[in-house]
């Protein structure tokens, strides 16, 4: 009799747990990107993110490995409703994310690899917890720059422009002084 009560209580507990359980899942398409760009080139890629779980989720985007610091996301975060059963592509509630990759300066043919990662957590205000993540493999072949100035970094370009501006200012000042009859010369004093 006591054993039956214990089995009944355990059974009810398991039924209650199964009724309140929720799953968090996330999918990404495409699952792999292979591309070739030129050094310093900026290129946009579109990824579709979708919710394979059964509760609303908040998705946060990130990049890993050699892509870190070379990628921007628009938007960086988004909320997604669950996909209706059975899951299919293209997703019904999925949303697109624009991933902008800026290739680093490379003097030789170079390959960088990494992952575009979508991390899902329960939506704000949800009574459920947990998280899930999915990644898309990203391989980028970077060719050398086409032009000489493509080898220069942004700081070097700014410095070169400042030097050119300073030279132009000096020539204009000299021209104005010559027009006004003002002469400027360095003379060594004799002792």
Protein backbone atom coordinates (compact mmCIF):
# COMPACT_ATOMS: atom_id res chain seq x y z
CA UNK A 1 0.00 0.00 0.00
CA UNK A 2 2.79 2.47 0.93
CA UNK A 3 4.74 1.41 -2.16
CA UNK A 4 1.71 2.17 -4.37
CA UNK A 5 1.41 5.66 -2.85
CA UNK A 6 5.12 6.33 -3.46
CA UNK A 7 4.86 5.14 -7.08
CA UNK A 8 1.73 7.27 -7.56
CA UNK A 9 3.48 10.39 -6.17
CA UNK A 10 6.61 9.80 -8.28
CA UNK A 11 4.43 9.24 -11.37
CA UNK A 12 2.48 12.47 -10.78
CA UNK A 13 5.75 14.34 -10.22
CA UNK A 14 7.12 13.09 -13.56
CA UNK A 15 3.88 14.02 -15.36
CA UNK A 16 3.99 17.52 -13.87
CA UNK A 17 7.62 17.95 -14.88
CA UNK A 18 6.86 16.93 -18.45
CA UNK A 19 3.97 19.40 -18.59
CA UNK A 20 6.09 22.39 -17.54
CA UNK A 21 9.28 21.60 -19.40
CA UNK A 22 10.36 23.82 -22.26
CA UNK A 23 13.11 23.56 -24.79
CA UNK A 24 15.35 26.26 -26.16
CA UNK A 25 16.78 25.77 -29.61
CA UNK A 26 18.21 27.89 -32.37
CA UNK A 27 19.02 27.31 -36.03
CA UNK A 28 21.14 29.22 -38.56
CA UNK A 29 21.23 29.19 -42.32
CA UNK A 30 23.58 28.93 -44.19
CA UNK A 31 25.55 26.48 -42.08
CA UNK A 32 28.80 27.20 -43.93
CA UNK A 33 30.18 30.14 -45.92
CA UNK A 34 33.20 30.01 -48.23
CA UNK A 35 34.21 33.24 -49.97
CA UNK A 36 37.16 35.13 -51.41
CA UNK A 37 37.75 38.87 -50.94
CA UNK A 38 40.53 41.40 -51.43
CA UNK A 39 42.49 42.84 -48.52
CA UNK A 40 40.56 45.60 -46.65
CA UNK A 41 37.35 44.80 -48.58
CA UNK A 42 34.11 45.01 -46.61
CA UNK A 43 31.35 42.59 -47.56
CA UNK A 44 27.84 41.83 -46.26
CA UNK A 45 26.39 38.35 -45.77
CA UNK A 46 22.80 37.49 -44.82
CA UNK A 47 22.13 34.78 -42.24
CA UNK A 48 18.67 33.53 -41.30
CA UNK A 49 18.20 32.75 -37.60
CA UNK A 50 15.21 30.71 -36.38
CA UNK A 51 13.88 29.26 -33.13
CA UNK A 52 13.70 25.44 -33.04
CA UNK A 53 12.52 25.33 -29.42
CA UNK A 54 9.04 25.76 -28.04
CA UNK A 55 9.32 29.08 -26.13
CA UNK A 56 10.18 32.62 -27.30
CA UNK A 57 13.93 33.33 -27.16
CA UNK A 58 16.34 36.26 -27.25
CA UNK A 59 19.20 35.72 -29.73
CA UNK A 60 22.63 37.37 -29.34
CA UNK A 61 25.15 37.27 -32.18
CA UNK A 62 28.94 36.92 -31.90
CA UNK A 63 31.98 35.82 -33.88
CA UNK A 64 34.72 33.44 -32.80
CA UNK A 65 38.31 32.52 -33.63
CA UNK A 66 40.00 34.66 -36.32
CA UNK A 67 36.76 36.53 -37.11
CA UNK A 68 36.66 38.28 -33.73
CA UNK A 69 36.99 42.04 -34.19
CA UNK A 70 36.46 41.82 -37.96
CA UNK A 71 32.66 41.36 -37.90
CA UNK A 72 29.65 43.60 -37.21
CA UNK A 73 26.06 42.38 -36.86
CA UNK A 74 22.83 44.17 -37.67
CA UNK A 75 20.93 43.68 -35.46
CA UNK A 76 23.15 42.29 -32.68
CA UNK A 77 20.13 40.98 -30.74
CA UNK A 78 16.66 39.87 -31.74
CA UNK A 79 13.62 38.10 -30.29
CA UNK A 80 12.20 35.05 -32.03
CA UNK A 81 8.98 33.09 -31.67
CA UNK A 82 9.10 29.28 -31.96
CA UNK A 83 8.76 27.70 -35.39
CA UNK A 84 5.55 25.77 -35.97
CA UNK A 85 5.78 21.97 -36.06
CA UNK A 86 7.01 20.31 -38.23
CA UNK A 87 10.08 22.49 -38.72
CA UNK A 88 10.87 23.37 -42.31
CA UNK A 89 13.04 25.70 -44.37
CA UNK A 90 12.57 28.52 -45.05
CA UNK A 91 11.48 29.19 -41.48
CA UNK A 92 8.15 30.89 -40.81
CA UNK A 93 9.25 33.03 -37.83
CA UNK A 94 12.96 33.30 -38.70
CA UNK A 95 14.65 36.65 -39.13
CA UNK A 96 17.60 37.82 -41.22
CA UNK A 97 20.78 39.22 -39.73
CA UNK A 98 23.30 41.16 -41.81
CA UNK A 99 26.87 40.14 -41.02
CA UNK A 100 29.47 42.64 -42.25
CA UNK A 101 33.01 41.30 -42.51
CA UNK A 102 36.00 43.59 -43.10
CA UNK A 103 39.01 41.70 -44.41
CA UNK A 104 42.30 42.58 -42.71
CA UNK A 105 45.32 43.84 -44.62
CA UNK A 106 47.22 40.91 -46.09
CA UNK A 107 50.23 41.03 -48.41
CA UNK A 108 49.84 37.38 -49.46
CA UNK A 109 46.92 35.04 -50.05
CA UNK A 110 45.65 34.26 -46.54
CA UNK A 111 42.82 32.14 -45.14
CA UNK A 112 40.95 33.12 -41.99
CA UNK A 113 38.39 30.86 -40.36
CA UNK A 114 35.91 31.20 -37.57
CA UNK A 115 32.28 30.85 -36.66
CA UNK A 116 29.26 33.12 -36.71
CA UNK A 117 27.52 32.18 -33.45
CA UNK A 118 23.85 32.67 -32.50
CA UNK A 119 23.26 32.17 -28.76
CA UNK A 120 19.67 31.74 -27.58
CA UNK A 121 18.37 32.40 -24.09
CA UNK A 122 14.86 32.57 -22.71
CA UNK A 123 13.09 35.81 -23.65
CA UNK A 124 12.91 38.49 -20.94
CA UNK A 125 10.02 37.84 -18.56
CA UNK A 126 10.00 34.10 -19.27
CA UNK A 127 9.63 31.73 -16.33
CA UNK A 128 11.97 29.24 -18.04
CA UNK A 129 15.75 29.31 -18.11
CA UNK A 130 18.47 27.75 -20.16
CA UNK A 131 20.35 28.55 -23.30
CA UNK A 132 21.43 27.08 -26.59
CA UNK A 133 23.77 28.05 -29.39
CA UNK A 134 24.45 27.25 -33.01
CA UNK A 135 27.35 28.25 -35.24
CA UNK A 136 27.93 28.67 -38.94
CA UNK A 137 31.43 27.87 -40.22
CA UNK A 138 33.01 30.83 -42.01
CA UNK A 139 36.09 30.54 -44.25
CA UNK A 140 37.43 33.62 -45.99
CA UNK A 141 40.31 33.68 -48.48
CA UNK A 142 41.93 37.11 -48.52
CA UNK A 143 43.91 38.20 -51.54
CA UNK A 144 46.55 40.96 -51.58
CA UNK A 145 45.42 44.55 -52.25
CA UNK A 146 44.95 45.73 -55.83
CA UNK A 147 46.48 49.19 -55.30
CA UNK A 148 49.44 50.59 -53.37
CA UNK A 149 47.30 52.72 -51.05
CA UNK A 150 45.31 49.65 -50.02
CA UNK A 151 48.37 48.56 -48.04
CA UNK A 152 48.06 51.65 -45.85
CA UNK A 153 46.13 51.61 -42.59
CA UNK A 154 43.61 54.31 -41.68
CA UNK A 155 46.15 55.98 -39.34
CA UNK A 156 48.78 56.11 -42.09
CA UNK A 157 46.29 57.66 -44.53
CA UNK A 158 45.31 60.29 -41.93
CA UNK A 159 48.96 61.13 -41.23
CA UNK A 160 49.74 61.44 -44.96
CA UNK A 161 46.77 63.79 -45.43
CA UNK A 162 47.92 65.95 -42.50
CA UNK A 163 51.46 66.20 -43.95
CA UNK A 164 50.06 67.21 -47.37
CA UNK A 165 47.78 69.80 -45.70
CA UNK A 166 50.75 71.24 -43.76
CA UNK A 167 52.82 71.54 -46.97
CA UNK A 168 49.94 73.32 -48.73
CA UNK A 169 49.56 75.74 -45.79
CA UNK A 170 53.30 76.52 -45.88
CA UNK A 171 53.19 77.25 -49.65
CA UNK A 172 50.12 79.50 -49.25
CA UNK A 173 51.75 81.38 -46.36
CA UNK A 174 54.94 81.87 -48.41
CA UNK A 175 52.96 83.12 -51.39
CA UNK A 176 51.04 85.62 -49.22
CA UNK A 177 54.26 86.83 -47.58
CA UNK A 178 55.90 87.29 -51.00
CA UNK A 179 52.90 89.32 -52.23
CA UNK A 180 53.09 91.59 -49.17
CA UNK A 181 56.83 92.02 -49.54
CA UNK A 182 57.67 90.18 -46.35
CA UNK A 183 60.80 88.10 -46.53
CA UNK A 184 61.67 85.42 -44.08
CA UNK A 185 65.18 84.07 -43.93
CA UNK A 186 67.44 82.39 -41.47
CA UNK A 187 70.66 84.33 -41.09
CA UNK A 188 73.66 83.15 -39.19
CA UNK A 189 75.19 85.77 -36.94
CA UNK A 190 78.91 86.19 -37.15
CA UNK A 191 80.86 86.66 -33.98
